[in-house]
Amino acid sequence: MSLQSPLVAEEDVSQELSVNPPERKPRLSERLRQFGPPLGIFVFVVGLWQIFVTALHLPVYIFPTPSAIVTAAIDNLPSLLQSAYHTFISAMLGFLLSGLFGVLVAVVMSQSKWIERSLSPYAVVLQTIPIVAVAPILIVWFGAGFTAIVAVSFIIAVFPVISNTVLGLNSVDTNLANLLRLYHASRWQFTWKLRIPTALPYIVGGLRISAGSSLIGAIVGEYVAGIGGSQGGLGYSIIVAATQLHMDYLFAAALTACIMGILVYLGVGQLGRLLLGKWHESSIVVEN
């Protein structure tokens, strides 16, 4: 039986730890460095807002204070949450459709330059078309309500996915592309094993933009093609509040939409970190 020296064993352990360092949980100080500055700016702005409006004695229907906005949100919390729920469902469905359709169209466009040149103008049309002009057509096709709102959200959110995905699919490394051609890789293998992994960071970037755009599209859709009552979303609530000069509730609905957009953006960012893992620079945390 051979006995290993404690010194050798200690060196082996140190080498193993140096190669595969244990994952370190973020400490409180790191959390404070990460979330402290934006939280401090938020508190400063809200406090300055409260002091400014109170000192000038501005009426609520012109510029409400943060405390008045919070009070309005609490007093109308059930209807506010119900409106936010309808807007969130419409926005997420439009976002999912734009993500699936956008990636599929981008993959088709990347297969050939003439296909890309043929479809690119129509992708740009989806971005530049005035949604107010299209809304009456959508209402005729789908009727006012949920389906038309999802269609508006889809139209506004699909272009960033197509644009970023096409850019990523066309950004493959030339040496890797030549290597796959050397091994006579099929078109499907070339797309699946090289183009899509290369384009994945670009797809995540497009989805981040699309997530916020889909929420904006849902609210715009509720303006032009939505319905009222219990099925109305935040767009309808904002219209009613503006008509009745309930600016405190209008601000509450707008801030609710902002919070939803931030949460959706963070959710897509987390999904991107899961997809990219530790192999891409954008998901690797670098300590300064």
C-alpha atoms as a PDB file:
ATOM      1  CA  MET A   1       0.000   0.000   0.000  1.00  0.00           C
ATOM      2  CA  SER A   2       1.408   3.367  -1.024  1.00  0.00           C
ATOM      3  CA  LEU A   3       0.844   6.275   1.308  1.00  0.00           C
ATOM      4  CA  GLN A   4       0.451   9.728  -0.140  1.00  0.00           C
ATOM      5  CA  SER A   5       2.226  12.572   1.517  1.00  0.00           C
ATOM      6  CA  PRO A   6      -0.011  15.216   3.168  1.00  0.00           C
ATOM      7  CA  LEU A   7       1.917  17.864   1.270  1.00  0.00           C
ATOM      8  CA  VAL A   8       1.150  16.212  -2.075  1.00  0.00           C
ATOM      9  CA  ALA A   9      -2.493  15.783  -1.134  1.00  0.00           C
ATOM     10  CA  GLU A  10      -2.710  19.429  -0.151  1.00  0.00           C
ATOM     11  CA  GLU A  11      -1.160  20.474  -3.474  1.00  0.00           C
ATOM     12  CA  ASP A  12      -3.672  18.307  -5.379  1.00  0.00           C
ATOM     13  CA  VAL A  13      -6.565  19.909  -3.527  1.00  0.00           C
ATOM     14  CA  SER A  14      -5.238  23.401  -4.157  1.00  0.00           C
ATOM     15  CA  GLN A  15      -4.774  22.624  -7.849  1.00  0.00           C
ATOM     16  CA  GLU A  16      -8.316  21.279  -8.064  1.00  0.00           C
ATOM     17  CA  LEU A  17      -9.690  24.360  -6.356  1.00  0.00           C
ATOM     18  CA  SER A  18      -7.717  26.613  -8.679  1.00  0.00           C
ATOM     19  CA  VAL A  19      -9.097  24.837 -11.737  1.00  0.00           C
ATOM     20  CA  ASN A  20     -12.670  24.577 -10.437  1.00  0.00           C
ATOM     21  CA  PRO A  21     -13.132  27.293  -7.819  1.00  0.00           C
ATOM     22  CA  PRO A  22     -16.207  26.839  -5.644  1.00  0.00           C
ATOM     23  CA  GLU A  23     -19.156  29.033  -6.422  1.00  0.00           C
ATOM     24  CA  ARG A  24     -19.295  31.921  -3.983  1.00  0.00           C
ATOM     25  CA  LYS A  25     -22.620  33.238  -2.850  1.00  0.00           C
ATOM     26  CA  PRO A  26     -23.036  37.000  -3.282  1.00  0.00           C
ATOM     27  CA  ARG A  27     -22.434  38.843  -0.039  1.00  0.00           C
ATOM     28  CA  LEU A  28     -24.522  41.682   1.344  1.00  0.00           C
ATOM     29  CA  SER A  29     -21.910  44.260   0.341  1.00  0.00           C
ATOM     30  CA  GLU A  30     -22.030  43.050  -3.265  1.00  0.00           C
ATOM     31  CA  ARG A  31     -25.826  43.290  -3.237  1.00  0.00           C
ATOM     32  CA  LEU A  32     -25.589  46.823  -1.901  1.00  0.00           C
ATOM     33  CA  ARG A  33     -23.123  47.803  -4.620  1.00  0.00           C
ATOM     34  CA  GLN A  34     -25.436  46.345  -7.231  1.00  0.00           C
ATOM     35  CA  PHE A  35     -28.803  47.689  -6.068  1.00  0.00           C
ATOM     36  CA  GLY A  36     -27.768  50.569  -3.834  1.00  0.00           C
ATOM     37  CA  PRO A  37     -27.089  53.281  -6.455  1.00  0.00           C
ATOM     38  CA  PRO A  38     -30.350  52.888  -8.439  1.00  0.00           C
ATOM     39  CA  LEU A  39     -32.346  52.584  -5.215  1.00  0.00           C
ATOM     40  CA  GLY A  40     -30.693  55.719  -3.835  1.00  0.00           C
ATOM     41  CA  ILE A  41     -31.475  57.678  -7.010  1.00  0.00           C
ATOM     42  CA  PHE A  42     -35.087  56.458  -6.855  1.00  0.00           C
ATOM     43  CA  VAL A  43     -35.499  57.608  -3.245  1.00  0.00           C
ATOM     44  CA  PHE A  44     -33.874  60.951  -4.049  1.00  0.00           C
ATOM     45  CA  VAL A  45     -36.096  61.624  -7.077  1.00  0.00           C
ATOM     46  CA  VAL A  46     -39.296  60.604  -5.271  1.00  0.00           C
ATOM     47  CA  GLY A  47     -38.415  62.743  -2.253  1.00  0.00           C
ATOM     48  CA  LEU A  48     -37.580  65.741  -4.437  1.00  0.00           C
ATOM     49  CA  TRP A  49     -40.831  65.194  -6.349  1.00  0.00           C
ATOM     50  CA  GLN A  50     -42.854  65.164  -3.104  1.00  0.00           C
ATOM     51  CA  ILE A  51     -41.170  68.296  -1.754  1.00  0.00           C
ATOM     52  CA  PHE A  52     -41.430  70.194  -5.047  1.00  0.00           C
ATOM     53  CA  VAL A  53     -45.150  69.542  -5.629  1.00  0.00           C
ATOM     54  CA  THR A  54     -46.045  70.168  -1.969  1.00  0.00           C
ATOM     55  CA  ALA A  55     -44.093  73.436  -1.823  1.00  0.00           C
ATOM     56  CA  LEU A  56     -45.745  74.807  -4.971  1.00  0.00           C
ATOM     57  CA  HIS A  57     -49.221  73.673  -3.848  1.00  0.00           C
ATOM     58  CA  LEU A  58     -49.944  72.131  -7.233  1.00  0.00           C
ATOM     59  CA  PRO A  59     -53.433  70.603  -7.473  1.00  0.00           C
ATOM     60  CA  VAL A  60     -53.741  66.864  -7.906  1.00  0.00           C
ATOM     61  CA  TYR A  61     -55.314  67.147 -11.371  1.00  0.00           C
ATOM     62  CA  ILE A  62     -52.171  68.912 -12.631  1.00  0.00           C
ATOM     63  CA  PHE A  63     -49.294  67.108 -10.923  1.00  0.00           C
ATOM     64  CA  PRO A  64     -49.994  64.622  -8.101  1.00  0.00           C
ATOM     65  CA  THR A  65     -47.511  63.856  -5.363  1.00  0.00           C
ATOM     66  CA  PRO A  66     -46.075  60.349  -4.935  1.00  0.00           C
ATOM     67  CA  SER A  67     -48.108  59.937  -1.775  1.00  0.00           C
ATOM     68  CA  ALA A  68     -51.310  60.787  -3.685  1.00  0.00           C
ATOM     69  CA  ILE A  69     -50.377  58.252  -6.379  1.00  0.00           C
ATOM     70  CA  VAL A  70     -49.810  55.540  -3.782  1.00  0.00           C
ATOM     71  CA  THR A  71     -53.110  56.401  -2.107  1.00  0.00           C
ATOM     72  CA  ALA A  72     -54.960  56.221  -5.432  1.00  0.00           C
ATOM     73  CA  ALA A  73     -53.340  52.872  -6.214  1.00  0.00           C
ATOM     74  CA  ILE A  74     -54.342  51.445  -2.824  1.00  0.00           C
ATOM     75  CA  ASP A  75     -57.903  52.784  -3.058  1.00  0.00           C
ATOM     76  CA  ASN A  76     -58.357  51.292  -6.546  1.00  0.00           C
ATOM     77  CA  LEU A  77     -56.141  48.241  -6.082  1.00  0.00           C
ATOM     78  CA  PRO A  78     -58.637  45.551  -7.258  1.00  0.00           C
ATOM     79  CA  SER A  79     -59.465  47.332 -10.526  1.00  0.00           C
ATOM     80  CA  LEU A  80     -55.793  48.273 -11.048  1.00  0.00           C
ATOM     81  CA  LEU A  81     -54.635  44.675 -10.638  1.00  0.00           C
ATOM     82  CA  GLN A  82     -57.401  43.428 -12.919  1.00  0.00           C
ATOM     83  CA  SER A  83     -56.434  45.920 -15.624  1.00  0.00           C
ATOM     84  CA  ALA A  84     -52.761  45.016 -15.229  1.00  0.00           C
ATOM     85  CA  TYR A  85     -53.627  41.325 -15.552  1.00  0.00           C
ATOM     86  CA  HIS A  86     -55.471  41.827 -18.868  1.00  0.00           C
ATOM     87  CA  THR A  87     -52.633  43.950 -20.252  1.00  0.00           C
ATOM     88  CA  PHE A  88     -50.004  41.452 -19.105  1.00  0.00           C
ATOM     89  CA  ILE A  89     -51.770  38.495 -20.749  1.00  0.00           C
ATOM     90  CA  SER A  90     -52.172  40.356 -24.047  1.00  0.00           C
ATOM     91  CA  ALA A  91     -48.565  41.571 -23.997  1.00  0.00           C
ATOM     92  CA  MET A  92     -47.084  38.163 -23.168  1.00  0.00           C
ATOM     93  CA  LEU A  93     -49.062  36.409 -25.882  1.00  0.00           C
ATOM     94  CA  GLY A  94     -47.955  39.014 -28.400  1.00  0.00           C
ATOM     95  CA  PHE A  95     -44.384  38.638 -27.139  1.00  0.00           C
ATOM     96  CA  LEU A  96     -44.401  34.842 -27.482  1.00  0.00           C
ATOM     97  CA  LEU A  97     -45.880  35.019 -30.982  1.00  0.00           C
ATOM     98  CA  SER A  98     -43.358  37.657 -32.047  1.00  0.00           C
ATOM     99  CA  GLY A  99     -40.486  35.585 -30.639  1.00  0.00           C
ATOM    100  CA  LEU A 100     -41.501  32.361 -32.369  1.00  0.00           C
ATOM    101  CA  PHE A 101     -42.456  33.999 -35.653  1.00  0.00           C
ATOM    102  CA  GLY A 102     -39.456  36.336 -35.663  1.00  0.00           C
ATOM    103  CA  VAL A 103     -36.879  33.577 -35.107  1.00  0.00           C
ATOM    104  CA  LEU A 104     -38.542  31.333 -37.716  1.00  0.00           C
ATOM    105  CA  VAL A 105     -38.608  34.089 -40.338  1.00  0.00           C
ATOM    106  CA  ALA A 106     -34.996  35.024 -39.560  1.00  0.00           C
ATOM    107  CA  VAL A 107     -33.842  31.420 -39.996  1.00  0.00           C
ATOM    108  CA  VAL A 108     -35.597  31.271 -43.366  1.00  0.00           C
ATOM    109  CA  MET A 109     -34.070  34.607 -44.401  1.00  0.00           C
ATOM    110  CA  SER A 110     -30.572  33.456 -43.460  1.00  0.00           C
ATOM    111  CA  GLN A 111     -30.679  30.465 -45.800  1.00  0.00           C
ATOM    112  CA  SER A 112     -30.162  32.552 -48.913  1.00  0.00           C
ATOM    113  CA  LYS A 113     -29.262  36.128 -49.760  1.00  0.00           C
ATOM    114  CA  TRP A 114     -32.062  36.449 -52.279  1.00  0.00           C
ATOM    115  CA  ILE A 115     -34.587  35.279 -49.681  1.00  0.00           C
ATOM    116  CA  GLU A 116     -33.227  37.857 -47.236  1.00  0.00           C
ATOM    117  CA  ARG A 117     -33.406  40.624 -49.851  1.00  0.00           C
ATOM    118  CA  SER A 118     -36.943  39.562 -50.750  1.00  0.00           C
ATOM    119  CA  LEU A 119     -38.310  39.500 -47.188  1.00  0.00           C
ATOM    120  CA  SER A 120     -36.348  42.340 -45.585  1.00  0.00           C
ATOM    121  CA  PRO A 121     -38.560  45.161 -46.962  1.00  0.00           C
ATOM    122  CA  TYR A 122     -41.658  43.527 -45.487  1.00  0.00           C
ATOM    123  CA  ALA A 123     -39.974  43.164 -42.107  1.00  0.00           C
ATOM    124  CA  VAL A 124     -39.180  46.874 -42.189  1.00  0.00           C
ATOM    125  CA  VAL A 125     -42.805  47.601 -43.100  1.00  0.00           C
ATOM    126  CA  LEU A 126     -43.910  45.917 -39.862  1.00  0.00           C
ATOM    127  CA  GLN A 127     -41.734  48.386 -37.952  1.00  0.00           C
ATOM    128  CA  THR A 128     -42.638  51.563 -39.837  1.00  0.00           C
ATOM    129  CA  ILE A 129     -46.349  51.019 -40.472  1.00  0.00           C
ATOM    130  CA  PRO A 130     -48.579  53.420 -38.486  1.00  0.00           C
ATOM    131  CA  ILE A 131     -50.435  51.203 -36.060  1.00  0.00           C
ATOM    132  CA  VAL A 132     -53.291  53.743 -35.830  1.00  0.00           C
ATOM    133  CA  ALA A 133     -53.904  53.270 -39.546  1.00  0.00           C
ATOM    134  CA  VAL A 134     -53.851  49.475 -39.242  1.00  0.00           C
ATOM    135  CA  ALA A 135     -56.065  49.322 -36.149  1.00  0.00           C
ATOM    136  CA  PRO A 136     -59.371  49.748 -38.040  1.00  0.00           C
ATOM    137  CA  ILE A 137     -58.395  46.867 -40.323  1.00  0.00           C
ATOM    138  CA  LEU A 138     -57.540  44.685 -37.331  1.00  0.00           C
ATOM    139  CA  ILE A 139     -60.882  45.526 -35.736  1.00  0.00           C
ATOM    140  CA  VAL A 140     -62.693  44.505 -38.921  1.00  0.00           C
ATOM    141  CA  TRP A 141     -60.707  41.267 -39.136  1.00  0.00           C
ATOM    142  CA  PHE A 142     -60.639  40.236 -35.475  1.00  0.00           C
ATOM    143  CA  GLY A 143     -63.194  42.474 -33.791  1.00  0.00           C
ATOM    144  CA  ALA A 144     -62.482  44.871 -30.938  1.00  0.00           C
ATOM    145  CA  GLY A 145     -60.967  43.233 -27.894  1.00  0.00           C
ATOM    146  CA  PHE A 146     -58.352  40.685 -26.936  1.00  0.00           C
ATOM    147  CA  THR A 147     -57.407  39.315 -30.373  1.00  0.00           C
ATOM    148  CA  ALA A 148     -56.934  42.743 -31.926  1.00  0.00           C
ATOM    149  CA  ILE A 149     -54.822  43.873 -28.955  1.00  0.00           C
ATOM    150  CA  VAL A 150     -52.578  40.822 -29.282  1.00  0.00           C
ATOM    151  CA  ALA A 151     -52.234  41.530 -33.006  1.00  0.00           C
ATOM    152  CA  VAL A 152     -51.115  45.109 -32.318  1.00  0.00           C
ATOM    153  CA  SER A 153     -48.638  43.893 -29.696  1.00  0.00           C
ATOM    154  CA  PHE A 154     -47.275  41.318 -32.149  1.00  0.00           C
ATOM    155  CA  ILE A 155     -46.828  43.837 -34.963  1.00  0.00           C
ATOM    156  CA  ILE A 156     -44.896  46.244 -32.744  1.00  0.00           C
ATOM    157  CA  ALA A 157     -42.712  43.562 -31.105  1.00  0.00           C
ATOM    158  CA  VAL A 158     -41.757  41.276 -33.997  1.00  0.00           C
ATOM    159  CA  PHE A 159     -39.253  43.459 -35.873  1.00  0.00           C
ATOM    160  CA  PRO A 160     -36.508  43.558 -33.182  1.00  0.00           C
ATOM    161  CA  VAL A 161     -36.499  39.761 -33.051  1.00  0.00           C
ATOM    162  CA  ILE A 162     -36.212  39.421 -36.834  1.00  0.00           C
ATOM    163  CA  SER A 163     -33.528  42.099 -37.138  1.00  0.00           C
ATOM    164  CA  ASN A 164     -31.299  40.861 -34.304  1.00  0.00           C
ATOM    165  CA  THR A 165     -31.673  37.189 -35.206  1.00  0.00           C
ATOM    166  CA  VAL A 166     -30.765  37.766 -38.857  1.00  0.00           C
ATOM    167  CA  LEU A 167     -27.714  39.739 -37.743  1.00  0.00           C
ATOM    168  CA  GLY A 168     -26.653  36.902 -35.445  1.00  0.00           C
ATOM    169  CA  LEU A 169     -27.230  34.176 -38.011  1.00  0.00           C
ATOM    170  CA  ASN A 170     -25.050  36.050 -40.502  1.00  0.00           C
ATOM    171  CA  SER A 171     -22.245  36.625 -37.965  1.00  0.00           C
ATOM    172  CA  VAL A 172     -20.766  33.128 -38.006  1.00  0.00           C
ATOM    173  CA  ASP A 173     -17.023  32.690 -37.813  1.00  0.00           C
ATOM    174  CA  THR A 174     -15.549  32.150 -41.275  1.00  0.00           C
ATOM    175  CA  ASN A 175     -13.074  29.508 -40.116  1.00  0.00           C
ATOM    176  CA  LEU A 176     -15.804  27.464 -38.420  1.00  0.00           C
ATOM    177  CA  ALA A 177     -17.998  27.778 -41.496  1.00  0.00           C
ATOM    178  CA  ASN A 178     -15.175  26.528 -43.729  1.00  0.00           C
ATOM    179  CA  LEU A 179     -14.544  23.633 -41.320  1.00  0.00           C
ATOM    180  CA  LEU A 180     -18.171  22.483 -41.537  1.00  0.00           C
ATOM    181  CA  ARG A 181     -18.086  22.766 -45.324  1.00  0.00           C
ATOM    182  CA  LEU A 182     -14.913  20.698 -45.294  1.00  0.00           C
ATOM    183  CA  TYR A 183     -16.804  17.930 -43.504  1.00  0.00           C
ATOM    184  CA  HIS A 184     -19.706  18.253 -45.969  1.00  0.00           C
ATOM    185  CA  ALA A 185     -22.210  19.376 -43.350  1.00  0.00           C
ATOM    186  CA  SER A 186     -25.780  19.619 -44.556  1.00  0.00           C
ATOM    187  CA  ARG A 187     -27.701  22.887 -44.570  1.00  0.00           C
ATOM    188  CA  TRP A 188     -29.625  21.762 -41.478  1.00  0.00           C
ATOM    189  CA  GLN A 189     -26.418  20.841 -39.617  1.00  0.00           C
ATOM    190  CA  PHE A 190     -24.825  24.128 -40.633  1.00  0.00           C
ATOM    191  CA  THR A 191     -27.814  26.059 -39.266  1.00  0.00           C
ATOM    192  CA  TRP A 192     -28.352  24.039 -36.106  1.00  0.00           C
ATOM    193  CA  LYS A 193     -24.731  23.506 -35.043  1.00  0.00           C
ATOM    194  CA  LEU A 194     -23.191  26.833 -36.060  1.00  0.00           C
ATOM    195  CA  ARG A 195     -25.640  29.566 -37.013  1.00  0.00           C
ATOM    196  CA  ILE A 196     -28.105  29.220 -34.130  1.00  0.00           C
ATOM    197  CA  PRO A 197     -25.462  28.951 -31.336  1.00  0.00           C
ATOM    198  CA  THR A 198     -23.722  31.986 -32.813  1.00  0.00           C
ATOM    199  CA  ALA A 199     -26.988  33.911 -33.032  1.00  0.00           C
ATOM    200  CA  LEU A 200     -28.202  33.007 -29.539  1.00  0.00           C
ATOM    201  CA  PRO A 201     -26.839  36.169 -27.821  1.00  0.00           C
ATOM    202  CA  TYR A 202     -28.381  38.269 -30.591  1.00  0.00           C
ATOM    203  CA  ILE A 203     -31.715  36.464 -30.182  1.00  0.00           C
ATOM    204  CA  VAL A 204     -31.689  37.181 -26.453  1.00  0.00           C
ATOM    205  CA  GLY A 205     -30.961  40.844 -27.178  1.00  0.00           C
ATOM    206  CA  GLY A 206     -33.848  40.991 -29.632  1.00  0.00           C
ATOM    207  CA  LEU A 207     -36.170  39.338 -27.126  1.00  0.00           C
ATOM    208  CA  ARG A 208     -35.242  41.910 -24.485  1.00  0.00           C
ATOM    209  CA  ILE A 209     -36.262  44.722 -26.817  1.00  0.00           C
ATOM    210  CA  SER A 210     -39.344  42.827 -27.940  1.00  0.00           C
ATOM    211  CA  ALA A 211     -40.485  42.235 -24.346  1.00  0.00           C
ATOM    212  CA  GLY A 212     -40.790  45.954 -23.655  1.00  0.00           C
ATOM    213  CA  SER A 213     -42.233  46.650 -27.097  1.00  0.00           C
ATOM    214  CA  SER A 214     -44.930  44.021 -26.634  1.00  0.00           C
ATOM    215  CA  LEU A 215     -46.113  45.724 -23.444  1.00  0.00           C
ATOM    216  CA  ILE A 216     -46.188  49.084 -25.214  1.00  0.00           C
ATOM    217  CA  GLY A 217     -48.039  47.460 -28.099  1.00  0.00           C
ATOM    218  CA  ALA A 218     -50.638  45.972 -25.758  1.00  0.00           C
ATOM    219  CA  ILE A 219     -51.340  49.364 -24.173  1.00  0.00           C
ATOM    220  CA  VAL A 220     -51.497  51.037 -27.599  1.00  0.00           C
ATOM    221  CA  GLY A 221     -53.807  48.260 -28.763  1.00  0.00           C
ATOM    222  CA  GLU A 222     -56.074  48.928 -25.796  1.00  0.00           C
ATOM    223  CA  TYR A 223     -56.174  52.586 -26.865  1.00  0.00           C
ATOM    224  CA  VAL A 224     -57.228  51.896 -30.447  1.00  0.00           C
ATOM    225  CA  ALA A 225     -58.847  48.453 -30.389  1.00  0.00           C
ATOM    226  CA  GLY A 226     -59.598  47.669 -26.765  1.00  0.00           C
ATOM    227  CA  ILE A 227     -62.854  47.362 -24.908  1.00  0.00           C
ATOM    228  CA  GLY A 228     -63.923  48.775 -21.567  1.00  0.00           C
ATOM    229  CA  GLY A 229     -65.538  47.438 -18.471  1.00  0.00           C
ATOM    230  CA  SER A 230     -64.093  44.515 -16.575  1.00  0.00           C
ATOM    231  CA  GLN A 231     -62.142  43.392 -19.671  1.00  0.00           C
ATOM    232  CA  GLY A 232     -60.314  46.686 -20.069  1.00  0.00           C
ATOM    233  CA  GLY A 233     -56.574  46.845 -19.546  1.00  0.00           C
ATOM    234  CA  LEU A 234     -54.231  49.582 -18.382  1.00  0.00           C
ATOM    235  CA  GLY A 235     -54.703  51.465 -21.645  1.00  0.00           C
ATOM    236  CA  TYR A 236     -58.426  51.747 -21.012  1.00  0.00           C
ATOM    237  CA  SER A 237     -57.801  52.751 -17.382  1.00  0.00           C
ATOM    238  CA  ILE A 238     -55.419  55.498 -18.511  1.00  0.00           C
ATOM    239  CA  ILE A 239     -57.983  56.834 -21.004  1.00  0.00           C
ATOM    240  CA  VAL A 240     -60.739  56.916 -18.388  1.00  0.00           C
ATOM    241  CA  ALA A 241     -58.472  58.542 -15.785  1.00  0.00           C
ATOM    242  CA  ALA A 242     -57.331  61.212 -18.252  1.00  0.00           C
ATOM    243  CA  THR A 243     -60.918  61.956 -19.289  1.00  0.00           C
ATOM    244  CA  GLN A 244     -62.007  62.362 -15.670  1.00  0.00           C
ATOM    245  CA  LEU A 245     -58.819  64.266 -14.689  1.00  0.00           C
ATOM    246  CA  HIS A 246     -57.906  61.625 -12.107  1.00  0.00           C
ATOM    247  CA  MET A 247     -54.215  62.224 -12.589  1.00  0.00           C
ATOM    248  CA  ASP A 248     -53.237  60.361  -9.445  1.00  0.00           C
ATOM    249  CA  TYR A 249     -54.832  57.152 -10.727  1.00  0.00           C
ATOM    250  CA  LEU A 250     -53.437  57.833 -14.215  1.00  0.00           C
ATOM    251  CA  PHE A 251     -49.924  58.002 -12.775  1.00  0.00           C
ATOM    252  CA  ALA A 252     -50.628  54.838 -10.767  1.00  0.00           C
ATOM    253  CA  ALA A 253     -51.665  52.953 -13.923  1.00  0.00           C
ATOM    254  CA  ALA A 254     -48.653  54.265 -15.852  1.00  0.00           C
ATOM    255  CA  LEU A 255     -46.241  53.292 -13.051  1.00  0.00           C
ATOM    256  CA  THR A 256     -47.851  49.860 -12.895  1.00  0.00           C
ATOM    257  CA  ALA A 257     -47.098  49.449 -16.587  1.00  0.00           C
ATOM    258  CA  CYS A 258     -43.505  50.547 -15.941  1.00  0.00           C
ATOM    259  CA  ILE A 259     -43.104  47.988 -13.148  1.00  0.00           C
ATOM    260  CA  MET A 260     -44.511  45.269 -15.395  1.00  0.00           C
ATOM    261  CA  GLY A 261     -42.063  46.237 -18.136  1.00  0.00           C
ATOM    262  CA  ILE A 262     -39.109  46.105 -15.736  1.00  0.00           C
ATOM    263  CA  LEU A 263     -40.145  42.692 -14.401  1.00  0.00           C
ATOM    264  CA  VAL A 264     -40.598  41.296 -17.918  1.00  0.00           C
ATOM    265  CA  TYR A 265     -37.227  42.699 -18.992  1.00  0.00           C
ATOM    266  CA  LEU A 266     -35.521  41.152 -15.968  1.00  0.00           C
ATOM    267  CA  GLY A 267     -37.274  37.847 -16.636  1.00  0.00           C
ATOM    268  CA  VAL A 268     -36.036  37.772 -20.230  1.00  0.00           C
ATOM    269  CA  GLY A 269     -32.560  38.711 -19.008  1.00  0.00           C
ATOM    270  CA  GLN A 270     -32.601  35.803 -16.572  1.00  0.00           C
ATOM    271  CA  LEU A 271     -33.715  33.489 -19.377  1.00  0.00           C
ATOM    272  CA  GLY A 272     -30.812  34.766 -21.452  1.00  0.00           C
ATOM    273  CA  ARG A 273     -28.348  33.979 -18.658  1.00  0.00           C
ATOM    274  CA  LEU A 274     -29.738  30.454 -18.425  1.00  0.00           C
ATOM    275  CA  LEU A 275     -29.425  29.933 -22.181  1.00  0.00           C
ATOM    276  CA  LEU A 276     -25.982  31.451 -22.531  1.00  0.00           C
ATOM    277  CA  GLY A 277     -24.661  29.833 -19.355  1.00  0.00           C
ATOM    278  CA  LYS A 278     -20.975  30.452 -18.835  1.00  0.00           C
ATOM    279  CA  TRP A 279     -19.810  30.141 -22.428  1.00  0.00           C
ATOM    280  CA  HIS A 280     -20.564  33.685 -23.617  1.00  0.00           C
ATOM    281  CA  GLU A 281     -18.950  36.899 -22.445  1.00  0.00           C
ATOM    282  CA  SER A 282     -22.269  38.673 -21.918  1.00  0.00           C
ATOM    283  CA  SER A 283     -23.308  36.233 -19.147  1.00  0.00           C
ATOM    284  CA  ILE A 284     -19.947  36.060 -17.346  1.00  0.00           C
ATOM    285  CA  VAL A 285     -19.730  38.313 -14.314  1.00  0.00           C
ATOM    286  CA  VAL A 286     -16.463  40.248 -14.239  1.00  0.00           C
ATOM    287  CA  GLU A 287     -15.476  41.743 -10.902  1.00  0.00           C
ATOM    288  CA  ASN A 288     -13.994  45.215 -11.110  1.00  0.00           C
END
